[in-house]
Amino acid sequence: MHFSQWLRKRIEEAQITQNELAETLQISPGMVSNWLADRHTPNESNTLTIAVFFTQKFQNVGDTLLSCMQTIVYTKQNKPKTN
């Protein structure tokens, strides 16, 4: 699963908008849009912030951070090379 898919699923589960997520993370809505379009992946700081946000939102599994980081690593490893 690519990060974009993982994030889209979390946004739907949390019943929030892209703009609400951007506001919560204090980033531009365009950055969230880029993540969802699989154009970019978040940096380490944003990765941690995203994982913490969704862990608090769902108050559930401790694997949210691990899941988030694994999907980013997978996405980066499987991204086609462009010239």
Protein backbone atom coordinates (compact mmCIF):
# COMPACT_ATOMS: atom_id res chain seq x y z
CA MET A 1 0.00 0.00 0.00
CA HIS A 2 1.37 3.40 -0.95
CA PHE A 3 1.33 6.26 1.51
CA SER A 4 -1.31 8.08 -0.55
CA GLN A 5 -3.67 5.12 -0.12
CA TRP A 6 -2.88 4.84 3.57
CA LEU A 7 -3.51 8.55 4.13
CA ARG A 8 -6.73 8.60 2.12
CA LYS A 9 -8.04 5.71 4.20
CA ARG A 10 -7.14 7.44 7.48
CA ILE A 11 -8.78 10.70 6.34
CA GLU A 12 -11.97 8.84 5.44
CA GLU A 13 -11.98 6.93 8.72
CA ALA A 14 -11.47 10.14 10.69
CA GLN A 15 -14.21 11.86 8.68
CA ILE A 16 -12.13 14.96 8.12
CA THR A 17 -11.32 16.97 5.02
CA GLN A 18 -7.93 17.51 3.45
CA ASN A 19 -8.13 21.14 4.55
CA GLU A 20 -8.84 20.13 8.16
CA LEU A 21 -5.84 17.81 8.14
CA ALA A 22 -3.64 20.55 6.66
CA GLU A 23 -4.81 23.03 9.28
CA THR A 24 -4.17 20.55 12.09
CA LEU A 25 -0.68 19.81 10.79
CA GLN A 26 -0.05 23.51 10.09
CA ILE A 27 0.85 22.87 6.47
CA SER A 28 -0.65 23.99 3.18
CA PRO A 29 -3.65 22.12 1.75
CA GLY A 30 -1.56 21.74 -1.41
CA MET A 31 0.95 19.61 0.47
CA VAL A 32 -1.79 17.23 1.59
CA SER A 33 -3.07 17.17 -1.98
CA ASN A 34 0.42 16.26 -3.23
CA TRP A 35 0.61 13.40 -0.75
CA LEU A 36 -2.80 12.09 -1.80
CA ALA A 37 -1.86 12.35 -5.48
CA ASP A 38 1.32 10.37 -4.73
CA ARG A 39 3.51 13.22 -6.00
CA HIS A 40 5.40 13.58 -2.72
CA THR A 41 5.74 11.86 0.63
CA PRO A 42 6.01 13.70 3.94
CA ASN A 43 9.34 14.40 5.56
CA GLU A 44 10.24 12.73 8.85
CA SER A 45 8.79 15.50 10.98
CA ASN A 46 5.45 15.46 9.16
CA THR A 47 5.40 11.66 9.22
CA LEU A 48 5.61 11.69 12.99
CA THR A 49 3.00 14.45 13.27
CA ILE A 50 0.59 12.56 10.99
CA ALA A 51 1.01 9.34 12.91
CA VAL A 52 0.53 11.04 16.28
CA PHE A 53 -2.56 12.88 15.00
CA PHE A 54 -4.26 9.71 13.77
CA THR A 55 -3.24 7.73 16.86
CA GLN A 56 -4.87 10.40 19.04
CA LYS A 57 -7.88 10.67 16.72
CA PHE A 58 -8.65 6.97 16.88
CA GLN A 59 -7.17 6.28 20.32
CA ASN A 60 -6.51 2.81 19.09
CA VAL A 61 -3.58 0.86 17.87
CA GLY A 62 -0.03 1.63 18.71
CA ASP A 63 0.93 0.50 15.24
CA THR A 64 -0.24 3.72 13.55
CA LEU A 65 3.27 5.18 13.54
CA LEU A 66 4.80 1.94 12.32
CA SER A 67 2.12 1.57 9.66
CA CYS A 68 2.61 5.13 8.49
CA MET A 69 6.38 4.80 8.27
CA GLN A 70 6.21 1.43 6.52
CA THR A 71 3.92 2.80 3.83
CA ILE A 72 6.26 5.74 3.24
CA VAL A 73 9.28 3.47 2.94
CA TYR A 74 7.37 1.19 0.57
CA THR A 75 6.23 4.14 -1.51
CA LYS A 76 9.75 5.56 -1.80
CA GLN A 77 11.23 2.18 -2.70
CA ASN A 78 8.62 1.47 -5.35
CA LYS A 79 8.35 4.91 -6.92
CA PRO A 80 9.24 4.80 -10.61
CA LYS A 81 12.43 6.63 -11.48
CA THR A 82 11.92 9.72 -13.61
CA ASN A 83 14.52 11.55 -15.67
